[in-house]
Structures are given as C-alpha cells and as structure tokens.
Amino acid sequence: MKKIHIVLLVFIAGAIAVLISFLQTTATYDTVQTAKDKPGKFVHLMARWDKSQPMEYDALKDPNYLSFIATDTLGQSVKVIYRNPKPENFEISEKLVLKGKYTTDGYFECKSIQTKCPSKYKDDMSAAQKKVQGASETYPTNTETK
C-alpha cells in the first residue's frame, strides 16, 4: 500500500468516528411521561411554565434555588427544581428547554434552562397591512410620464 492510501484510510476512519460522536450527542425533546419512565437518565424537556401554580424563588434567601411547575405539550405537569440563578427572561418566555434528570423523589432536577422568548418581529397583521397600504398611497406605483 502506498502512504497516501494509508493516510486516506486514517482520515476516513477519523471522519466516521466524528460522525458517530455527533449522533450520540444529538438529543430530541422528551415529554414528561418519557422522563418519568427513564428516571436518572439525562433528557431535554420542551415545556412551559405553568403560571397558575406558584413559583418558589427568593433571591435574598437563596438565589440558587428555583422551583416551579412545568407543563409539556401533551398537558402533563412536573415539579422542576433548578439550583442556579433564575434566568433573566424567565417570566416572558413562551417555552422552556429543560435539561436534566427526573428523580425517584418525584421531581425534575434541572441542570440548565434555555428560554424561548416571543419573536419581536411578530406583529398584528392588520397593522402591517395598514402600513403597506399607507406606503403605497404615499408612493403611487402607476406613474405616467408626460
């Protein structure tokens, strides 16, 4: 075998190893029920904060403790305990990605929270149509030359 063939084989083996490691690190979003079925296994939950339930957070007493109820897309709820400072935009977020493990004690031990906030570009469609109509009246599209 030539040296170039050996180098190419090593390169291909390395590329395969990298692809396999990426496949193992990719995660899908789980539901509360699947997290409960796999206690102790690290999962990603897509949920929202249930604002009708009380949130336990006191920055003066313990700034590294946040407890709240999260509800997934199927309507199942779970108590979440997060032992880090509360994310700044927690209250305005539409969805939360909770990364952690469901414990045998009956709650979700969250290691990190990623907030998904509403889009700042989401606007009322009627207001957008009025803006477009106003702009077209100001700048007529049919111009005649004399």
Protein backbone atom coordinates (compact mmCIF):
# COMPACT_ATOMS: atom_id res chain seq x y z
CA MET A 1 0.00 0.00 0.00
CA LYS A 2 1.12 3.50 -0.73
CA LYS A 3 1.45 6.06 2.01
CA ILE A 4 -1.35 8.16 0.51
CA HIS A 5 -3.75 5.21 0.78
CA ILE A 6 -2.91 4.74 4.45
CA VAL A 7 -3.40 8.46 5.14
CA LEU A 8 -6.77 8.41 3.34
CA LEU A 9 -7.92 5.36 5.34
CA VAL A 10 -6.94 7.04 8.62
CA PHE A 11 -8.77 10.23 7.52
CA ILE A 12 -11.93 8.28 6.62
CA ALA A 13 -11.83 6.40 9.95
CA GLY A 14 -11.50 9.70 11.80
CA ALA A 15 -14.42 11.21 9.89
CA ILE A 16 -16.60 8.19 10.74
CA ALA A 17 -15.65 8.49 14.42
CA VAL A 18 -16.60 12.19 14.45
CA LEU A 19 -19.96 11.46 12.81
CA ILE A 20 -20.74 8.74 15.32
CA SER A 21 -19.90 11.04 18.24
CA PHE A 22 -22.21 13.75 16.82
CA LEU A 23 -25.06 11.26 16.51
CA GLN A 24 -24.67 10.26 20.15
CA THR A 25 -24.71 13.87 21.41
CA THR A 26 -27.80 14.94 19.48
CA ALA A 27 -30.92 14.93 21.59
CA THR A 28 -34.61 15.01 20.92
CA TYR A 29 -37.16 16.66 23.14
CA ASP A 30 -38.86 14.27 25.53
CA THR A 31 -42.22 14.51 27.24
CA VAL A 32 -42.81 14.44 30.98
CA GLN A 33 -44.04 10.86 30.73
CA THR A 34 -40.90 9.62 28.95
CA ALA A 35 -38.75 11.41 31.55
CA LYS A 36 -40.72 9.66 34.30
CA ASP A 37 -40.26 6.34 32.52
CA LYS A 38 -36.47 6.88 32.50
CA PRO A 39 -35.59 8.15 35.99
CA GLY A 40 -31.95 9.17 36.32
CA LYS A 41 -31.40 9.49 32.56
CA PHE A 42 -30.46 12.91 31.16
CA VAL A 43 -33.27 14.28 28.96
CA HIS A 44 -34.36 17.51 27.28
CA LEU A 45 -37.92 18.61 28.05
CA MET A 46 -39.75 21.18 25.95
CA ALA A 47 -42.27 22.72 28.33
CA ARG A 48 -43.77 25.96 29.52
CA TRP A 49 -44.01 27.46 32.99
CA ASP A 50 -47.47 26.89 34.48
CA LYS A 51 -48.22 30.40 35.70
CA SER A 52 -51.33 29.25 37.57
CA GLN A 53 -49.07 27.37 40.03
CA PRO A 54 -46.81 29.20 42.50
CA MET A 55 -43.13 29.66 41.72
CA GLU A 56 -40.71 29.38 44.65
CA TYR A 57 -37.80 31.79 44.30
CA ASP A 58 -36.31 34.18 46.85
CA ALA A 59 -33.15 35.95 45.67
CA LEU A 60 -32.34 37.16 49.18
CA LYS A 61 -32.82 33.84 50.96
CA ASP A 62 -31.25 31.52 48.35
CA PRO A 63 -30.54 32.93 44.86
CA ASN A 64 -29.55 29.47 43.65
CA TYR A 65 -32.91 27.78 44.16
CA LEU A 66 -35.87 27.97 41.77
CA SER A 67 -38.87 25.66 41.93
CA PHE A 68 -41.86 25.74 39.58
CA ILE A 69 -44.36 23.54 37.76
CA ALA A 70 -43.71 22.89 34.06
CA THR A 71 -46.28 21.58 31.59
CA ASP A 72 -45.28 19.86 28.35
CA THR A 73 -47.09 19.98 25.01
CA LEU A 74 -49.27 17.00 25.98
CA GLY A 75 -50.53 18.75 29.11
CA GLN A 76 -48.58 16.66 31.63
CA SER A 77 -47.04 18.54 34.53
CA VAL A 78 -43.93 18.02 36.63
CA LYS A 79 -42.29 19.89 39.51
CA VAL A 80 -38.93 21.34 38.42
CA ILE A 81 -36.09 22.24 40.77
CA TYR A 82 -33.29 24.37 39.35
CA ARG A 83 -30.27 25.03 41.58
CA ASN A 84 -28.82 28.03 39.76
CA PRO A 85 -29.85 31.69 39.46
CA LYS A 86 -33.18 32.24 37.73
CA PRO A 87 -32.80 33.19 34.03
CA GLU A 88 -33.45 36.91 33.49
CA ASN A 89 -36.16 36.47 30.87
CA PHE A 90 -37.87 33.53 32.58
CA GLU A 91 -41.19 35.32 33.11
CA ILE A 92 -41.62 36.46 29.48
CA SER A 93 -40.55 33.21 27.82
CA GLU A 94 -43.09 31.28 25.78
CA LYS A 95 -41.31 27.93 26.03
CA LEU A 96 -38.51 26.44 28.08
CA VAL A 97 -35.99 23.76 27.22
CA LEU A 98 -35.21 22.00 30.49
CA LYS A 99 -32.09 19.83 30.53
CA GLY A 100 -31.79 17.44 33.42
CA LYS A 101 -32.99 14.22 35.04
CA TYR A 102 -36.22 13.01 36.58
CA THR A 103 -35.51 11.80 40.10
CA THR A 104 -37.07 8.95 42.01
CA ASP A 105 -38.23 11.57 44.55
CA GLY A 106 -40.87 12.74 42.04
CA TYR A 107 -39.41 15.94 40.60
CA PHE A 108 -37.27 17.02 37.66
CA GLU A 109 -33.74 18.06 38.69
CA CYS A 110 -32.86 20.67 36.08
CA LYS A 111 -29.23 21.41 35.22
CA SER A 112 -29.88 24.17 32.68
CA ILE A 113 -32.80 26.19 31.35
CA GLN A 114 -32.91 27.63 27.86
CA THR A 115 -35.67 30.19 27.39
CA LYS A 116 -37.53 30.66 24.12
CA CYS A 117 -38.92 34.18 24.05
CA PRO A 118 -41.61 35.53 21.72
CA SER A 119 -40.40 36.99 18.47
CA LYS A 120 -40.01 40.74 18.45
CA TYR A 121 -40.99 40.67 14.77
CA LYS A 122 -44.40 39.12 15.46
CA ASP A 123 -46.81 41.92 14.71
CA ASP A 124 -50.51 42.40 14.28
CA MET A 125 -51.34 41.56 10.65
CA SER A 126 -53.96 44.30 10.29
CA ALA A 127 -51.44 46.91 11.45
CA ALA A 128 -48.90 45.58 8.97
CA GLN A 129 -51.46 45.76 6.13
CA LYS A 130 -52.31 49.36 7.06
CA LYS A 131 -48.62 50.26 6.92
CA VAL A 132 -48.29 48.69 3.48
CA GLN A 133 -51.43 50.45 2.21
CA GLY A 134 -50.24 53.78 3.60
CA ALA A 135 -46.88 53.37 1.94
CA SER A 136 -48.46 52.52 -1.42
CA GLU A 137 -50.70 55.62 -1.22
CA THR A 138 -47.72 57.81 -0.44
CA TYR A 139 -45.68 56.36 -3.27
CA PRO A 140 -48.03 55.57 -6.15
CA THR A 141 -46.90 52.71 -8.29
CA ASN A 142 -48.52 53.92 -11.52
CA THR A 143 -46.56 56.94 -12.66
CA GLU A 144 -47.20 58.45 -16.03
CA THR A 145 -44.64 60.49 -17.87
CA LYS A 146 -45.79 63.49 -19.87
